[in-house]
Amino acid sequence: MPNSINDVSQSKQQLKCTGTQTHVHEFEQSTKLAEEGDDRHNHRVAGVTSEVIPIPGTNNHVHAILSNTDFLDHHHEIGVTTGPNIPIPGTNKHVHVVSGATTIDDGHNHNFLFTTQIDSPLV
């Protein structure tokens, strides 16, 4: 599975267009705090995942995320693959865990840990 920004970009390009769209997930979250003293800060990140990336040999899937954080005199990039889908009990919905670290910019990076939003929340 991809685990860097370049790997995520390549995975997205390698997805074959079957003419049938799959689902995506929205995400919106803050990174963990970084640096100390007056420079201590975090960033916001929001966006939409790629479509489904099947996990071979299973009925499960992941999604790619490639996004930038907000800008606080600098920004960071996030390039990661979600974890496998996690079913929401009593529904046919699911979410994905997203964890990793941003790129290093301004001499530091930020860790992040969040879940995607539920696919098709109104359907």
PDB file of N, CA and C in Angstrom:
ATOM      1  N   MET A   1       0.834  -1.178   0.000  1.00  0.00           N
ATOM      2  CA  MET A   1       0.000   0.000   0.000  1.00  0.00           C
ATOM      3  C   MET A   1       0.878   1.240   0.000  1.00  0.00           C
ATOM      4  N   PRO A   2       0.406   2.343  -0.589  1.00  0.00           N
ATOM      5  CA  PRO A   2       1.198   3.557  -0.644  1.00  0.00           C
ATOM      6  C   PRO A   2       1.425   4.123   0.756  1.00  0.00           C
ATOM      7  N   ASN A   3       2.605   4.693   0.987  1.00  0.00           N
ATOM      8  CA  ASN A   3       2.846   5.328   2.269  1.00  0.00           C
ATOM      9  C   ASN A   3       3.655   6.603   2.136  1.00  0.00           C
ATOM     10  N   SER A   4       3.689   7.191   0.958  1.00  0.00           N
ATOM     11  CA  SER A   4       4.309   8.491   0.768  1.00  0.00           C
ATOM     12  C   SER A   4       3.491   9.266  -0.252  1.00  0.00           C
ATOM     13  N   ILE A   5       3.752  10.565  -0.336  1.00  0.00           N
ATOM     14  CA  ILE A   5       3.003  11.411  -1.270  1.00  0.00           C
ATOM     15  C   ILE A   5       3.192  10.926  -2.700  1.00  0.00           C
ATOM     16  N   ASN A   6       4.415  10.558  -3.093  1.00  0.00           N
ATOM     17  CA  ASN A   6       4.642  10.060  -4.454  1.00  0.00           C
ATOM     18  C   ASN A   6       3.913   8.753  -4.695  1.00  0.00           C
ATOM     19  N   ASP A   7       3.917   7.850  -3.703  1.00  0.00           N
ATOM     20  CA  ASP A   7       3.206   6.578  -3.843  1.00  0.00           C
ATOM     21  C   ASP A   7       1.714   6.804  -4.008  1.00  0.00           C
ATOM     22  N   VAL A   8       1.147   7.752  -3.242  1.00  0.00           N
ATOM     23  CA  VAL A   8      -0.283   8.042  -3.335  1.00  0.00           C
ATOM     24  C   VAL A   8      -0.611   8.580  -4.717  1.00  0.00           C
ATOM     25  N   SER A   9       0.200   9.505  -5.237  1.00  0.00           N
ATOM     26  CA  SER A   9      -0.038  10.045  -6.577  1.00  0.00           C
ATOM     27  C   SER A   9      -0.001   8.942  -7.622  1.00  0.00           C
ATOM     28  N   GLN A  10       0.979   8.043  -7.520  1.00  0.00           N
ATOM     29  CA  GLN A  10       1.081   6.947  -8.480  1.00  0.00           C
ATOM     30  C   GLN A  10      -0.111   6.008  -8.367  1.00  0.00           C
ATOM     31  N   SER A  11      -0.566   5.729  -7.146  1.00  0.00           N
ATOM     32  CA  SER A  11      -1.726   4.852  -6.959  1.00  0.00           C
ATOM     33  C   SER A  11      -2.959   5.456  -7.599  1.00  0.00           C
ATOM     34  N   LYS A  12      -3.144   6.759  -7.420  1.00  0.00           N
ATOM     35  CA  LYS A  12      -4.313   7.414  -8.000  1.00  0.00           C
ATOM     36  C   LYS A  12      -4.258   7.355  -9.525  1.00  0.00           C
ATOM     37  N   GLN A  13      -3.061   7.512 -10.100  1.00  0.00           N
ATOM     38  CA  GLN A  13      -2.923   7.473 -11.552  1.00  0.00           C
ATOM     39  C   GLN A  13      -3.108   6.063 -12.093  1.00  0.00           C
ATOM     40  N   GLN A  14      -2.780   5.044 -11.303  1.00  0.00           N
ATOM     41  CA  GLN A  14      -2.864   3.662 -11.763  1.00  0.00           C
ATOM     42  C   GLN A  14      -4.273   3.098 -11.699  1.00  0.00           C
ATOM     43  N   LEU A  15      -5.197   3.779 -11.000  1.00  0.00           N
ATOM     44  CA  LEU A  15      -6.566   3.281 -10.929  1.00  0.00           C
ATOM     45  C   LEU A  15      -7.154   3.265 -12.328  1.00  0.00           C
ATOM     46  N   LYS A  16      -7.704   2.148 -12.717  1.00  0.00           N
ATOM     47  CA  LYS A  16      -8.269   2.040 -14.057  1.00  0.00           C
ATOM     48  C   LYS A  16      -9.694   2.562 -14.049  1.00  0.00           C
ATOM     49  N   CYS A  17     -10.040   3.319 -15.071  1.00  0.00           N
ATOM     50  CA  CYS A  17     -11.396   3.834 -15.205  1.00  0.00           C
ATOM     51  C   CYS A  17     -12.278   2.726 -15.770  1.00  0.00           C
ATOM     52  N   THR A  18     -13.229   2.277 -14.975  1.00  0.00           N
ATOM     53  CA  THR A  18     -14.120   1.209 -15.415  1.00  0.00           C
ATOM     54  C   THR A  18     -15.432   1.768 -15.946  1.00  0.00           C
ATOM     55  N   GLY A  19     -15.593   3.082 -15.885  1.00  0.00           N
ATOM     56  CA  GLY A  19     -16.855   3.680 -16.281  1.00  0.00           C
ATOM     57  C   GLY A  19     -17.852   3.705 -15.139  1.00  0.00           C
ATOM     58  N   THR A  20     -17.549   3.023 -14.045  1.00  0.00           N
ATOM     59  CA  THR A  20     -18.414   3.006 -12.870  1.00  0.00           C
ATOM     60  C   THR A  20     -17.697   3.707 -11.734  1.00  0.00           C
ATOM     61  N   GLN A  21     -18.325   4.746 -11.210  1.00  0.00           N
ATOM     62  CA  GLN A  21     -17.714   5.454 -10.099  1.00  0.00           C
ATOM     63  C   GLN A  21     -17.956   4.709  -8.802  1.00  0.00           C
ATOM     64  N   THR A  22     -17.006   4.820  -7.901  1.00  0.00           N
ATOM     65  CA  THR A  22     -17.168   4.287  -6.556  1.00  0.00           C
ATOM     66  C   THR A  22     -17.359   5.463  -5.612  1.00  0.00           C
ATOM     67  N   HIS A  23     -17.359   5.208  -4.331  1.00  0.00           N
ATOM     68  CA  HIS A  23     -17.622   6.284  -3.377  1.00  0.00           C
ATOM     69  C   HIS A  23     -16.330   6.959  -2.906  1.00  0.00           C
ATOM     70  N   VAL A  24     -16.508   8.120  -2.291  1.00  0.00           N
ATOM     71  CA  VAL A  24     -15.429   8.876  -1.662  1.00  0.00           C
ATOM     72  C   VAL A  24     -15.874   9.238  -0.248  1.00  0.00           C
ATOM     73  N   HIS A  25     -14.960   9.758   0.550  1.00  0.00           N
ATOM     74  CA  HIS A  25     -15.275  10.235   1.893  1.00  0.00           C
ATOM     75  C   HIS A  25     -14.757  11.658   2.050  1.00  0.00           C
ATOM     76  N   GLU A  26     -15.482  12.461   2.795  1.00  0.00           N
ATOM     77  CA  GLU A  26     -14.991  13.770   3.198  1.00  0.00           C
ATOM     78  C   GLU A  26     -14.146  13.603   4.455  1.00  0.00           C
ATOM     79  N   PHE A  27     -13.245  14.549   4.684  1.00  0.00           N
ATOM     80  CA  PHE A  27     -12.495  14.577   5.939  1.00  0.00           C
ATOM     81  C   PHE A  27     -12.239  16.028   6.324  1.00  0.00           C
ATOM     82  N   GLU A  28     -12.175  16.274   7.618  1.00  0.00           N
ATOM     83  CA  GLU A  28     -11.912  17.607   8.156  1.00  0.00           C
ATOM     84  C   GLU A  28     -11.348  17.416   9.556  1.00  0.00           C
ATOM     85  N   GLN A  29     -10.144  17.906   9.782  1.00  0.00           N
ATOM     86  CA  GLN A  29      -9.504  17.640  11.060  1.00  0.00           C
ATOM     87  C   GLN A  29      -8.369  18.612  11.311  1.00  0.00           C
ATOM     88  N   SER A  30      -7.902  18.656  12.542  1.00  0.00           N
ATOM     89  CA  SER A  30      -6.711  19.416  12.921  1.00  0.00           C
ATOM     90  C   SER A  30      -5.549  18.462  13.136  1.00  0.00           C
ATOM     91  N   THR A  31      -4.349  18.930  12.802  1.00  0.00           N
ATOM     92  CA  THR A  31      -3.152  18.156  13.110  1.00  0.00           C
ATOM     93  C   THR A  31      -2.839  18.298  14.594  1.00  0.00           C
ATOM     94  N   LYS A  32      -1.905  17.499  15.073  1.00  0.00           N
ATOM     95  CA  LYS A  32      -1.413  17.633  16.446  1.00  0.00           C
ATOM     96  C   LYS A  32      -0.527  18.877  16.534  1.00  0.00           C
ATOM     97  N   LEU A  33      -0.351  19.385  17.745  1.00  0.00           N
ATOM     98  CA  LEU A  33       0.504  20.549  17.966  1.00  0.00           C
ATOM     99  C   LEU A  33       1.962  20.215  17.671  1.00  0.00           C
ATOM    100  N   ALA A  34       2.707  21.228  17.210  1.00  0.00           N
ATOM    101  CA  ALA A  34       4.141  21.074  16.971  1.00  0.00           C
ATOM    102  C   ALA A  34       4.853  22.328  17.447  1.00  0.00           C
ATOM    103  N   GLU A  35       6.114  22.220  17.668  1.00  0.00           N
ATOM    104  CA  GLU A  35       7.002  23.281  18.142  1.00  0.00           C
ATOM    105  C   GLU A  35       6.675  23.669  19.582  1.00  0.00           C
ATOM    106  N   GLU A  36       7.457  24.575  20.123  1.00  0.00           N
ATOM    107  CA  GLU A  36       7.320  24.973  21.524  1.00  0.00           C
ATOM    108  C   GLU A  36       7.187  26.488  21.640  1.00  0.00           C
ATOM    109  N   GLY A  37       6.761  26.946  22.811  1.00  0.00           N
ATOM    110  CA  GLY A  37       6.694  28.377  23.108  1.00  0.00           C
ATOM    111  C   GLY A  37       5.741  29.117  22.198  1.00  0.00           C
ATOM    112  N   ASP A  38       6.153  30.317  21.766  1.00  0.00           N
ATOM    113  CA  ASP A  38       5.305  31.173  20.932  1.00  0.00           C
ATOM    114  C   ASP A  38       5.026  30.571  19.559  1.00  0.00           C
ATOM    115  N   ASP A  39       5.878  29.640  19.116  1.00  0.00           N
ATOM    116  CA  ASP A  39       5.692  29.024  17.795  1.00  0.00           C
ATOM    117  C   ASP A  39       4.793  27.793  17.824  1.00  0.00           C
ATOM    118  N   ARG A  40       4.341  27.376  19.014  1.00  0.00           N
ATOM    119  CA  ARG A  40       3.502  26.173  19.128  1.00  0.00           C
ATOM    120  C   ARG A  40       2.202  26.398  18.358  1.00  0.00           C
ATOM    121  N   HIS A  41       1.860  25.463  17.476  1.00  0.00           N
ATOM    122  CA  HIS A  41       0.678  25.650  16.627  1.00  0.00           C
ATOM    123  C   HIS A  41       0.251  24.314  16.018  1.00  0.00           C
ATOM    124  N   ASN A  42      -0.904  24.334  15.400  1.00  0.00           N
ATOM    125  CA  ASN A  42      -1.357  23.193  14.609  1.00  0.00           C
ATOM    126  C   ASN A  42      -1.944  23.722  13.310  1.00  0.00           C
ATOM    127  N   HIS A  43      -2.430  22.835  12.475  1.00  0.00           N
ATOM    128  CA  HIS A  43      -3.018  23.209  11.189  1.00  0.00           C
ATOM    129  C   HIS A  43      -4.325  22.462  10.993  1.00  0.00           C
ATOM    130  N   ARG A  44      -5.169  23.010  10.130  1.00  0.00           N
ATOM    131  CA  ARG A  44      -6.405  22.349   9.721  1.00  0.00           C
ATOM    132  C   ARG A  44      -6.188  21.743   8.341  1.00  0.00           C
ATOM    133  N   VAL A  45      -6.884  20.637   8.098  1.00  0.00           N
ATOM    134  CA  VAL A  45      -6.849  20.000   6.785  1.00  0.00           C
ATOM    135  C   VAL A  45      -8.255  19.486   6.487  1.00  0.00           C
ATOM    136  N   ALA A  46      -8.688  19.648   5.252  1.00  0.00           N
ATOM    137  CA  ALA A  46     -10.019  19.185   4.848  1.00  0.00           C
ATOM    138  C   ALA A  46      -9.964  18.798   3.377  1.00  0.00           C
ATOM    139  N   GLY A  47     -10.863  17.924   2.984  1.00  0.00           N
ATOM    140  CA  GLY A  47     -10.911  17.537   1.587  1.00  0.00           C
ATOM    141  C   GLY A  47     -11.759  16.314   1.361  1.00  0.00           C
ATOM    142  N   VAL A  48     -11.522  15.682   0.226  1.00  0.00           N
ATOM    143  CA  VAL A  48     -12.250  14.486  -0.189  1.00  0.00           C
ATOM    144  C   VAL A  48     -11.219  13.441  -0.606  1.00  0.00           C
ATOM    145  N   THR A  49     -11.442  12.199  -0.198  1.00  0.00           N
ATOM    146  CA  THR A  49     -10.522  11.109  -0.541  1.00  0.00           C
ATOM    147  C   THR A  49     -10.633  10.756  -2.023  1.00  0.00           C
ATOM    148  N   SER A  50      -9.740   9.901  -2.458  1.00  0.00           N
ATOM    149  CA  SER A  50      -9.875   9.291  -3.782  1.00  0.00           C
ATOM    150  C   SER A  50     -11.047   8.315  -3.751  1.00  0.00           C
ATOM    151  N   GLU A  51     -11.364   7.782  -4.908  1.00  0.00           N
ATOM    152  CA  GLU A  51     -12.340   6.697  -4.956  1.00  0.00           C
ATOM    153  C   GLU A  51     -11.699   5.436  -4.369  1.00  0.00           C
ATOM    154  N   VAL A  52     -12.441   4.365  -4.335  1.00  0.00           N
ATOM    155  CA  VAL A  52     -12.025   3.097  -3.733  1.00  0.00           C
ATOM    156  C   VAL A  52     -10.747   2.553  -4.377  1.00  0.00           C
ATOM    157  N   ILE A  53      -9.829   2.082  -3.534  1.00  0.00           N
ATOM    158  CA  ILE A  53      -8.664   1.309  -3.969  1.00  0.00           C
ATOM    159  C   ILE A  53      -8.834  -0.073  -3.344  1.00  0.00           C
ATOM    160  N   PRO A  54      -9.228  -1.077  -4.125  1.00  0.00           N
ATOM    161  CA  PRO A  54      -9.481  -2.414  -3.562  1.00  0.00           C
ATOM    162  C   PRO A  54      -8.222  -3.009  -2.930  1.00  0.00           C
ATOM    163  N   ILE A  55      -8.411  -3.777  -1.867  1.00  0.00           N
ATOM    164  CA  ILE A  55      -7.322  -4.550  -1.268  1.00  0.00           C
ATOM    165  C   ILE A  55      -7.412  -5.945  -1.882  1.00  0.00           C
ATOM    166  N   PRO A  56      -6.425  -6.329  -2.681  1.00  0.00           N
ATOM    167  CA  PRO A  56      -6.489  -7.623  -3.381  1.00  0.00           C
ATOM    168  C   PRO A  56      -6.732  -8.791  -2.427  1.00  0.00           C
ATOM    169  N   GLY A  57      -7.590  -9.713  -2.862  1.00  0.00           N
ATOM    170  CA  GLY A  57      -7.871 -10.910  -2.087  1.00  0.00           C
ATOM    171  C   GLY A  57      -8.847 -10.717  -0.949  1.00  0.00           C
ATOM    172  N   THR A  58      -9.446  -9.521  -0.856  1.00  0.00           N
ATOM    173  CA  THR A  58     -10.412  -9.244   0.215  1.00  0.00           C
ATOM    174  C   THR A  58     -11.623  -8.525  -0.372  1.00  0.00           C
ATOM    175  N   ASN A  59     -12.636  -8.340   0.454  1.00  0.00           N
ATOM    176  CA  ASN A  59     -13.780  -7.502   0.083  1.00  0.00           C
ATOM    177  C   ASN A  59     -13.633  -6.110   0.675  1.00  0.00           C
ATOM    178  N   ASN A  60     -12.431  -5.758   1.092  1.00  0.00           N
ATOM    179  CA  ASN A  60     -12.184  -4.486   1.750  1.00  0.00           C
ATOM    180  C   ASN A  60     -11.495  -3.523   0.791  1.00  0.00           C
ATOM    181  N   HIS A  61     -11.356  -2.272   1.216  1.00  0.00           N
ATOM    182  CA  HIS A  61     -10.744  -1.255   0.378  1.00  0.00           C
ATOM    183  C   HIS A  61     -10.159  -0.144   1.237  1.00  0.00           C
ATOM    184  N   VAL A  62      -9.357   0.700   0.607  1.00  0.00           N
ATOM    185  CA  VAL A  62      -8.796   1.897   1.219  1.00  0.00           C
ATOM    186  C   VAL A  62      -9.026   3.060   0.263  1.00  0.00           C
ATOM    187  N   HIS A  63      -8.614   4.249   0.676  1.00  0.00           N
ATOM    188  CA  HIS A  63      -8.676   5.448  -0.161  1.00  0.00           C
ATOM    189  C   HIS A  63      -7.355   6.195  -0.037  1.00  0.00           C
ATOM    190  N   ALA A  64      -6.967   6.929  -1.056  1.00  0.00           N
ATOM    191  CA  ALA A  64      -5.785   7.792  -1.004  1.00  0.00           C
ATOM    192  C   ALA A  64      -6.214   9.200  -0.607  1.00  0.00           C
ATOM    193  N   ILE A  65      -5.356   9.870   0.145  1.00  0.00           N
ATOM    194  CA  ILE A  65      -5.558  11.278   0.502  1.00  0.00           C
ATOM    195  C   ILE A  65      -4.299  12.030   0.111  1.00  0.00           C
ATOM    196  N   LEU A  66      -4.458  13.095  -0.626  1.00  0.00           N
ATOM    197  CA  LEU A  66      -3.363  13.979  -1.001  1.00  0.00           C
ATOM    198  C   LEU A  66      -3.886  15.397  -0.861  1.00  0.00           C
ATOM    199  N   SER A  67      -3.393  16.133   0.145  1.00  0.00           N
ATOM    200  CA  SER A  67      -3.967  17.437   0.459  1.00  0.00           C
ATOM    201  C   SER A  67      -2.914  18.337   1.092  1.00  0.00           C
ATOM    202  N   ASN A  68      -3.226  19.612   1.179  1.00  0.00           N
ATOM    203  CA  ASN A  68      -2.415  20.590   1.903  1.00  0.00           C
ATOM    204  C   ASN A  68      -3.141  21.010   3.164  1.00  0.00           C
ATOM    205  N   THR A  69      -2.368  21.402   4.185  1.00  0.00           N
ATOM    206  CA  THR A  69      -2.973  22.004   5.373  1.00  0.00           C
ATOM    207  C   THR A  69      -3.289  23.465   5.080  1.00  0.00           C
ATOM    208  N   ASP A  70      -3.920  24.123   6.054  1.00  0.00           N
ATOM    209  CA  ASP A  70      -4.098  25.566   5.947  1.00  0.00           C
ATOM    210  C   ASP A  70      -2.734  26.250   6.047  1.00  0.00           C
ATOM    211  N   PHE A  71      -2.714  27.573   5.881  1.00  0.00           N
ATOM    212  CA  PHE A  71      -1.467  28.336   5.810  1.00  0.00           C
ATOM    213  C   PHE A  71      -1.344  29.239   7.028  1.00  0.00           C
ATOM    214  N   LEU A  72      -0.314  29.001   7.852  1.00  0.00           N
ATOM    215  CA  LEU A  72       0.011  29.856   8.998  1.00  0.00           C
ATOM    216  C   LEU A  72       1.477  30.261   8.853  1.00  0.00           C
ATOM    217  N   ASP A  73       1.776  31.106   7.919  1.00  0.00           N
ATOM    218  CA  ASP A  73       3.091  31.524   7.435  1.00  0.00           C
ATOM    219  C   ASP A  73       3.872  30.381   6.790  1.00  0.00           C
ATOM    220  N   HIS A  74       3.268  29.201   6.734  1.00  0.00           N
ATOM    221  CA  HIS A  74       3.770  28.036   6.001  1.00  0.00           C
ATOM    222  C   HIS A  74       2.633  27.013   5.943  1.00  0.00           C
ATOM    223  N   HIS A  75       2.792  26.005   5.115  1.00  0.00           N
ATOM    224  CA  HIS A  75       1.805  24.919   5.089  1.00  0.00           C
ATOM    225  C   HIS A  75       2.546  23.585   4.978  1.00  0.00           C
ATOM    226  N   HIS A  76       1.810  22.511   5.148  1.00  0.00           N
ATOM    227  CA  HIS A  76       2.353  21.160   5.051  1.00  0.00           C
ATOM    228  C   HIS A  76       1.505  20.365   4.072  1.00  0.00           C
ATOM    229  N   GLU A  77       2.074  19.296   3.526  1.00  0.00           N
ATOM    230  CA  GLU A  77       1.334  18.386   2.666  1.00  0.00           C
ATOM    231  C   GLU A  77       1.050  17.092   3.414  1.00  0.00           C
ATOM    232  N   ILE A  78      -0.080  16.489   3.077  1.00  0.00           N
ATOM    233  CA  ILE A  78      -0.460  15.195   3.626  1.00  0.00           C
ATOM    234  C   ILE A  78      -0.658  14.251   2.450  1.00  0.00           C
ATOM    235  N   GLY A  79       0.065  13.154   2.450  1.00  0.00           N
ATOM    236  CA  GLY A  79      -0.087  12.117   1.439  1.00  0.00           C
ATOM    237  C   GLY A  79      -0.111  10.775   2.136  1.00  0.00           C
ATOM    238  N   VAL A  80      -1.259  10.139   2.176  1.00  0.00           N
ATOM    239  CA  VAL A  80      -1.412   8.931   2.978  1.00  0.00           C
ATOM    240  C   VAL A  80      -2.514   8.059   2.388  1.00  0.00           C
ATOM    241  N   THR A  81      -2.474   6.797   2.717  1.00  0.00           N
ATOM    242  CA  THR A  81      -3.558   5.880   2.391  1.00  0.00           C
ATOM    243  C   THR A  81      -4.317   5.584   3.671  1.00  0.00           C
ATOM    244  N   THR A  82      -5.641   5.611   3.612  1.00  0.00           N
ATOM    245  CA  THR A  82      -6.455   5.317   4.792  1.00  0.00           C
ATOM    246  C   THR A  82      -6.278   3.860   5.197  1.00  0.00           C
ATOM    247  N   GLY A  83      -6.742   3.542   6.381  1.00  0.00           N
ATOM    248  CA  GLY A  83      -6.854   2.146   6.764  1.00  0.00           C
ATOM    249  C   GLY A  83      -8.061   1.528   6.072  1.00  0.00           C
ATOM    250  N   PRO A  84      -8.247   0.214   6.211  1.00  0.00           N
ATOM    251  CA  PRO A  84      -9.412  -0.461   5.624  1.00  0.00           C
ATOM    252  C   PRO A  84     -10.718   0.070   6.208  1.00  0.00           C
ATOM    253  N   ASN A  85     -11.815  -0.180   5.514  1.00  0.00           N
ATOM    254  CA  ASN A  85     -13.108   0.316   5.993  1.00  0.00           C
ATOM    255  C   ASN A  85     -13.495  -0.339   7.316  1.00  0.00           C
ATOM    256  N   ILE A  86     -14.129   0.474   8.173  1.00  0.00           N
ATOM    257  CA  ILE A  86     -14.615   0.027   9.481  1.00  0.00           C
ATOM    258  C   ILE A  86     -16.133   0.184   9.462  1.00  0.00           C
ATOM    259  N   PRO A  87     -16.880  -0.917   9.491  1.00  0.00           N
ATOM    260  CA  PRO A  87     -18.349  -0.836   9.421  1.00  0.00           C
ATOM    261  C   PRO A  87     -18.936  -0.094  10.623  1.00  0.00           C
ATOM    262  N   ILE A  88     -20.015   0.651  10.377  1.00  0.00           N
ATOM    263  CA  ILE A  88     -20.794   1.287  11.435  1.00  0.00           C
ATOM    264  C   ILE A  88     -21.922   0.313  11.770  1.00  0.00           C
ATOM    265  N   PRO A  89     -21.963  -0.221  12.993  1.00  0.00           N
ATOM    266  CA  PRO A  89     -22.972  -1.232  13.345  1.00  0.00           C
ATOM    267  C   PRO A  89     -24.404  -0.759  13.079  1.00  0.00           C
ATOM    268  N   GLY A  90     -25.224  -1.666  12.566  1.00  0.00           N
ATOM    269  CA  GLY A  90     -26.628  -1.370  12.309  1.00  0.00           C
ATOM    270  C   GLY A  90     -26.889  -0.594  11.038  1.00  0.00           C
ATOM    271  N   THR A  91     -25.847  -0.364  10.236  1.00  0.00           N
ATOM    272  CA  THR A  91     -26.000   0.368   8.971  1.00  0.00           C
ATOM    273  C   THR A  91     -25.199  -0.349   7.892  1.00  0.00           C
ATOM    274  N   ASN A  92     -25.309   0.158   6.678  1.00  0.00           N
ATOM    275  CA  ASN A  92     -24.428  -0.327   5.611  1.00  0.00           C
ATOM    276  C   ASN A  92     -23.337   0.711   5.331  1.00  0.00           C
ATOM    277  N   LYS A  93     -23.048   1.550   6.313  1.00  0.00           N
ATOM    278  CA  LYS A  93     -22.062   2.633   6.190  1.00  0.00           C
ATOM    279  C   LYS A  93     -20.732   2.217   6.810  1.00  0.00           C
ATOM    280  N   HIS A  94     -19.702   3.012   6.534  1.00  0.00           N
ATOM    281  CA  HIS A  94     -18.394   2.755   7.125  1.00  0.00           C
ATOM    282  C   HIS A  94     -17.556   4.024   7.143  1.00  0.00           C
ATOM    283  N   VAL A  95     -16.461   3.977   7.903  1.00  0.00           N
ATOM    284  CA  VAL A  95     -15.467   5.047   7.956  1.00  0.00           C
ATOM    285  C   VAL A  95     -14.087   4.414   7.785  1.00  0.00           C
ATOM    286  N   HIS A  96     -13.063   5.254   7.714  1.00  0.00           N
ATOM    287  CA  HIS A  96     -11.677   4.803   7.621  1.00  0.00           C
ATOM    288  C   HIS A  96     -10.824   5.596   8.604  1.00  0.00           C
ATOM    289  N   VAL A  97      -9.858   4.942   9.235  1.00  0.00           N
ATOM    290  CA  VAL A  97      -8.886   5.631  10.082  1.00  0.00           C
ATOM    291  C   VAL A  97      -7.783   6.193   9.193  1.00  0.00           C
ATOM    292  N   VAL A  98      -7.348   7.408   9.532  1.00  0.00           N
ATOM    293  CA  VAL A  98      -6.280   8.083   8.795  1.00  0.00           C
ATOM    294  C   VAL A  98      -5.212   8.495   9.810  1.00  0.00           C
ATOM    295  N   SER A  99      -3.984   8.059   9.613  1.00  0.00           N
ATOM    296  CA  SER A  99      -2.917   8.455  10.538  1.00  0.00           C
ATOM    297  C   SER A  99      -1.614   8.620   9.781  1.00  0.00           C
ATOM    298  N   GLY A 100      -0.760   9.471  10.310  1.00  0.00           N
ATOM    299  CA  GLY A 100       0.536   9.690   9.683  1.00  0.00           C
ATOM    300  C   GLY A 100       1.154  10.982  10.149  1.00  0.00           C
ATOM    301  N   ALA A 101       2.034  11.513   9.324  1.00  0.00           N
ATOM    302  CA  ALA A 101       2.717  12.772   9.611  1.00  0.00           C
ATOM    303  C   ALA A 101       2.770  13.602   8.336  1.00  0.00           C
ATOM    304  N   THR A 102       2.732  14.909   8.511  1.00  0.00           N
ATOM    305  CA  THR A 102       2.812  15.827   7.381  1.00  0.00           C
ATOM    306  C   THR A 102       4.241  15.878   6.857  1.00  0.00           C
ATOM    307  N   THR A 103       4.424  16.575   5.755  1.00  0.00           N
ATOM    308  CA  THR A 103       5.768  16.881   5.280  1.00  0.00           C
ATOM    309  C   THR A 103       6.442  17.812   6.284  1.00  0.00           C
ATOM    310  N   ILE A 104       7.761  17.896   6.207  1.00  0.00           N
ATOM    311  CA  ILE A 104       8.516  18.817   7.060  1.00  0.00           C
ATOM    312  C   ILE A 104       8.605  20.154   6.340  1.00  0.00           C
ATOM    313  N   ASP A 105       8.076  21.180   6.957  1.00  0.00           N
ATOM    314  CA  ASP A 105       8.157  22.546   6.447  1.00  0.00           C
ATOM    315  C   ASP A 105       8.411  23.462   7.633  1.00  0.00           C
ATOM    316  N   ASP A 106       9.152  24.536   7.427  1.00  0.00           N
ATOM    317  CA  ASP A 106       9.492  25.474   8.499  1.00  0.00           C
ATOM    318  C   ASP A 106      10.190  24.737   9.647  1.00  0.00           C
ATOM    319  N   GLY A 107      10.929  23.671   9.321  1.00  0.00           N
ATOM    320  CA  GLY A 107      11.722  22.957  10.308  1.00  0.00           C
ATOM    321  C   GLY A 107      10.979  21.974  11.197  1.00  0.00           C
ATOM    322  N   HIS A 108       9.749  21.626  10.864  1.00  0.00           N
ATOM    323  CA  HIS A 108       8.984  20.703  11.711  1.00  0.00           C
ATOM    324  C   HIS A 108       7.895  20.020  10.886  1.00  0.00           C
ATOM    325  N   ASN A 109       7.300  18.991  11.474  1.00  0.00           N
ATOM    326  CA  ASN A 109       6.124  18.358  10.881  1.00  0.00           C
ATOM    327  C   ASN A 109       5.066  18.196  11.962  1.00  0.00           C
ATOM    328  N   HIS A 110       3.899  17.695  11.578  1.00  0.00           N
ATOM    329  CA  HIS A 110       2.785  17.476  12.504  1.00  0.00           C
ATOM    330  C   HIS A 110       2.268  16.058  12.321  1.00  0.00           C
ATOM    331  N   ASN A 111       1.994  15.380  13.411  1.00  0.00           N
ATOM    332  CA  ASN A 111       1.307  14.095  13.350  1.00  0.00           C
ATOM    333  C   ASN A 111      -0.188  14.337  13.225  1.00  0.00           C
ATOM    334  N   PHE A 112      -0.905  13.351  12.707  1.00  0.00           N
ATOM    335  CA  PHE A 112      -2.363  13.449  12.646  1.00  0.00           C
ATOM    336  C   PHE A 112      -2.977  12.074  12.827  1.00  0.00           C
ATOM    337  N   LEU A 113      -4.186  12.060  13.368  1.00  0.00           N
ATOM    338  CA  LEU A 113      -4.958  10.839  13.578  1.00  0.00           C
ATOM    339  C   LEU A 113      -6.422  11.234  13.571  1.00  0.00           C
ATOM    340  N   PHE A 114      -7.189  10.700  12.612  1.00  0.00           N
ATOM    341  CA  PHE A 114      -8.615  11.017  12.533  1.00  0.00           C
ATOM    342  C   PHE A 114      -9.336   9.944  11.741  1.00  0.00           C
ATOM    343  N   THR A 115     -10.642  10.039  11.679  1.00  0.00           N
ATOM    344  CA  THR A 115     -11.425   9.158  10.815  1.00  0.00           C
ATOM    345  C   THR A 115     -12.060   9.990   9.717  1.00  0.00           C
ATOM    346  N   THR A 116     -12.305   9.341   8.592  1.00  0.00           N
ATOM    347  CA  THR A 116     -13.074   9.997   7.540  1.00  0.00           C
ATOM    348  C   THR A 116     -14.509  10.147   8.016  1.00  0.00           C
ATOM    349  N   GLN A 117     -15.265  10.955   7.316  1.00  0.00           N
ATOM    350  CA  GLN A 117     -16.694  11.021   7.588  1.00  0.00           C
ATOM    351  C   GLN A 117     -17.370   9.818   6.933  1.00  0.00           C
ATOM    352  N   ILE A 118     -18.589   9.536   7.345  1.00  0.00           N
ATOM    353  CA  ILE A 118     -19.339   8.395   6.814  1.00  0.00           C
ATOM    354  C   ILE A 118     -19.600   8.601   5.329  1.00  0.00           C
ATOM    355  N   ASP A 119     -19.454   7.550   4.541  1.00  0.00           N
ATOM    356  CA  ASP A 119     -19.780   7.640   3.119  1.00  0.00           C
ATOM    357  C   ASP A 119     -21.287   7.836   2.952  1.00  0.00           C
ATOM    358  N   SER A 120     -21.707   8.679   2.017  1.00  0.00           N
ATOM    359  CA  SER A 120     -23.130   8.941   1.716  1.00  0.00           C
ATOM    360  C   SER A 120     -23.969   9.130   2.980  1.00  0.00           C
ATOM    361  N   PRO A 121     -23.690  10.154   3.800  1.00  0.00           N
ATOM    362  CA  PRO A 121     -24.379  10.285   5.087  1.00  0.00           C
ATOM    363  C   PRO A 121     -25.889  10.481   4.987  1.00  0.00           C
ATOM    364  N   LEU A 122     -26.400  10.992   3.879  1.00  0.00           N
ATOM    365  CA  LEU A 122     -27.839  11.267   3.768  1.00  0.00           C
ATOM    366  C   LEU A 122     -28.599  10.188   3.021  1.00  0.00           C
ATOM    367  N   VAL A 123     -27.914   9.170   2.551  1.00  0.00           N
ATOM    368  CA  VAL A 123     -28.569   8.118   1.760  1.00  0.00           C
ATOM    369  C   VAL A 123     -28.787   6.887   2.607  1.00  0.00           C
TER     370      VAL A 123
END
